[in-house]
Amino acid sequence: MKITAAGWKRLQQSLEREQERLEEARAYVRDQMEANEAENLGLVEAQQQLAAVEERIEELRSVLDAAQVISVEGGQHDCVELGDYVLLKDLQSGRELRAQLVSPVEVAPTTQGVVQISSDSPVGRKLEGAKAGDSFEVTVGRRQAQYQVHSIETKA
């Protein structure tokens, strides 16, 4: 799976945070196991939390192991590609939106004020391969949205 360098870095940082949480969760389970019966009412919950953290770590490792970090050249080019930043105009409201096209595993709601759009989302599928000046229509929730690509840029 292709992923941007910034997305890989964010996922790596998430893995590091989860590994710290893993140590905390293990310590909590140990504490619950050592407590007497009246005090260890939280043992089952602590074990469930530990299992959830271990599962998240495995998921992150799997994604990072399979990731192919794409190299992004700075400047402008013709077609929207993974990792590109675009300026979209909503043709119905006139509102402009700065967004980045990213892989599904690296989507965050906003990163440094830029909305991230998954390449698997309806907007992302229409956006990938589009050129500056292209317009497209897509169903977003209950409405039909119309967007125009104003500009495409990469950020090295």
Protein backbone atom coordinates (compact mmCIF):
# COMPACT_ATOMS: atom_id res chain seq x y z
CA MET A 1 0.00 0.00 0.00
CA LYS A 2 1.30 3.44 -0.90
CA ILE A 3 1.57 6.05 1.84
CA THR A 4 3.04 9.53 2.16
CA ALA A 5 6.17 10.11 4.21
CA ALA A 6 4.22 12.34 6.61
CA GLY A 7 1.56 9.65 7.01
CA TRP A 8 4.22 7.02 7.71
CA LYS A 9 5.77 9.28 10.33
CA ARG A 10 2.39 9.86 12.04
CA LEU A 11 1.70 6.11 12.08
CA GLN A 12 5.18 5.45 13.48
CA GLN A 13 4.53 7.99 16.25
CA SER A 14 1.19 6.31 16.97
CA LEU A 15 2.99 2.99 17.26
CA GLU A 16 5.46 4.49 19.74
CA ARG A 17 2.59 5.94 21.84
CA GLU A 18 0.79 2.59 21.80
CA GLN A 19 3.97 0.81 22.91
CA GLU A 20 4.15 3.19 25.89
CA ARG A 21 0.49 2.47 26.66
CA LEU A 22 1.27 -1.25 26.43
CA GLU A 23 3.77 -1.00 29.26
CA GLU A 24 1.25 0.94 31.36
CA ALA A 25 -1.48 -1.60 30.61
CA ARG A 26 0.79 -4.52 31.53
CA ALA A 27 1.71 -2.85 34.83
CA TYR A 28 -1.95 -2.25 35.61
CA VAL A 29 -2.82 -5.91 34.93
CA ARG A 30 0.06 -6.98 37.20
CA ASP A 31 -1.21 -4.66 39.92
CA GLN A 32 -4.73 -6.04 39.58
CA MET A 33 -3.47 -9.63 39.72
CA GLU A 34 -1.46 -8.93 42.87
CA ALA A 35 -4.34 -7.17 44.63
CA ASN A 36 -6.53 -9.15 46.94
CA GLU A 37 -9.91 -10.31 45.70
CA ALA A 38 -11.78 -7.30 47.08
CA GLU A 39 -9.43 -4.87 45.32
CA ASN A 40 -9.05 -6.55 41.90
CA LEU A 41 -12.53 -5.92 40.53
CA GLY A 42 -10.88 -4.18 37.57
CA LEU A 43 -8.83 -7.20 36.43
CA VAL A 44 -11.11 -8.20 33.56
CA GLU A 45 -11.31 -4.62 32.34
CA ALA A 46 -7.53 -4.24 32.60
CA GLN A 47 -7.01 -7.45 30.60
CA GLN A 48 -9.43 -6.23 27.92
CA GLN A 49 -7.59 -2.91 27.69
CA LEU A 50 -4.27 -4.74 27.39
CA ALA A 51 -5.65 -6.92 24.59
CA ALA A 52 -6.96 -3.83 22.75
CA VAL A 53 -3.58 -2.09 22.95
CA GLU A 54 -1.78 -5.25 21.74
CA GLU A 55 -4.21 -5.50 18.82
CA ARG A 56 -3.67 -1.85 17.86
CA ILE A 57 0.13 -2.33 17.97
CA GLU A 58 -0.12 -5.38 15.71
CA GLU A 59 -2.35 -3.44 13.31
CA LEU A 60 0.09 -0.50 13.16
CA ARG A 61 3.08 -2.80 12.66
CA SER A 62 1.28 -4.59 9.85
CA VAL A 63 0.42 -1.32 8.10
CA LEU A 64 3.95 0.05 8.49
CA ASP A 65 5.53 -3.20 7.27
CA ALA A 66 3.35 -3.24 4.16
CA ALA A 67 3.67 0.49 3.44
CA GLN A 68 5.49 1.79 0.40
CA VAL A 69 6.46 5.36 1.16
CA ILE A 70 5.98 7.48 -1.93
CA SER A 71 8.44 10.17 -2.81
CA VAL A 72 6.83 13.52 -3.43
CA GLU A 73 8.49 16.10 -5.59
CA GLY A 74 7.82 19.74 -4.74
CA GLY A 75 6.08 22.10 -7.13
CA GLN A 76 3.15 21.77 -9.49
CA HIS A 77 2.10 19.07 -11.93
CA ASP A 78 -0.84 18.13 -14.14
CA CYS A 79 -2.82 15.36 -12.40
CA VAL A 80 -3.74 14.85 -8.75
CA GLU A 81 -1.72 12.02 -7.22
CA LEU A 82 -1.49 10.52 -3.76
CA GLY A 83 0.15 13.01 -1.40
CA ASP A 84 -0.82 16.06 -3.45
CA TYR A 85 -2.41 19.14 -1.99
CA VAL A 86 -5.33 20.58 -3.92
CA LEU A 87 -7.42 23.67 -3.73
CA LEU A 88 -11.03 22.66 -4.34
CA LYS A 89 -13.93 25.00 -4.89
CA ASP A 90 -17.44 23.90 -3.95
CA LEU A 91 -19.35 25.18 -6.99
CA GLN A 92 -22.63 25.40 -5.10
CA SER A 93 -21.48 27.39 -2.06
CA GLY A 94 -18.41 29.04 -3.56
CA ARG A 95 -16.36 27.88 -0.57
CA GLU A 96 -12.75 26.89 -1.14
CA LEU A 97 -11.13 23.96 0.62
CA ARG A 98 -7.45 23.05 0.83
CA ALA A 99 -7.08 19.29 1.03
CA GLN A 100 -4.51 16.53 0.67
CA LEU A 101 -5.17 13.21 -1.06
CA VAL A 102 -3.85 10.40 1.15
CA SER A 103 -4.16 6.64 1.52
CA PRO A 104 -6.99 5.36 3.73
CA VAL A 105 -4.68 4.25 6.56
CA GLU A 106 -3.17 7.69 7.07
CA VAL A 107 -6.30 9.85 7.09
CA ALA A 108 -6.55 12.27 9.98
CA PRO A 109 -9.44 14.74 10.27
CA THR A 110 -7.15 17.73 9.73
CA THR A 111 -3.41 18.08 9.68
CA GLN A 112 -1.97 21.56 10.06
CA GLY A 113 -5.26 23.07 8.90
CA VAL A 114 -5.49 20.87 5.80
CA VAL A 115 -8.35 18.40 5.37
CA GLN A 116 -7.18 14.95 4.37
CA ILE A 117 -9.21 13.04 1.80
CA SER A 118 -8.89 9.28 1.51
CA SER A 119 -8.19 7.97 -1.97
CA ASP A 120 -10.93 5.38 -1.26
CA SER A 121 -13.60 7.97 -0.45
CA PRO A 122 -16.10 9.12 -3.08
CA VAL A 123 -14.37 12.52 -3.35
CA GLY A 124 -10.92 10.92 -3.36
CA ARG A 125 -11.80 8.52 -6.19
CA LYS A 126 -13.00 11.44 -8.33
CA LEU A 127 -10.07 13.62 -7.31
CA GLU A 128 -7.25 11.18 -8.12
CA GLY A 129 -6.16 11.80 -11.70
CA ALA A 130 -8.09 15.06 -12.01
CA LYS A 131 -6.41 18.10 -13.54
CA ALA A 132 -6.54 21.76 -12.53
CA GLY A 133 -9.76 23.19 -13.96
CA ASP A 134 -11.58 19.83 -13.91
CA SER A 135 -14.99 19.70 -12.27
CA PHE A 136 -16.69 16.66 -10.82
CA GLU A 137 -19.88 15.75 -9.04
CA VAL A 138 -20.09 13.36 -6.11
CA THR A 139 -22.63 12.31 -3.52
CA VAL A 140 -21.59 13.58 -0.09
CA GLY A 141 -24.03 12.48 2.57
CA ARG A 142 -27.45 13.44 1.30
CA ARG A 143 -26.39 16.02 -1.22
CA GLN A 144 -24.81 16.06 -4.64
CA ALA A 145 -21.69 18.19 -4.37
CA GLN A 146 -19.92 19.76 -7.30
CA TYR A 147 -16.24 20.59 -6.99
CA GLN A 148 -13.70 22.18 -9.23
CA VAL A 149 -9.96 21.60 -8.88
CA HIS A 150 -8.36 25.05 -8.82
CA SER A 151 -4.76 24.05 -8.26
CA ILE A 152 -2.56 21.06 -7.54
CA GLU A 153 0.69 21.19 -5.62
CA THR A 154 2.99 18.82 -3.91
CA LYS A 155 4.87 19.55 -0.74
CA ALA A 156 8.35 18.10 -0.57
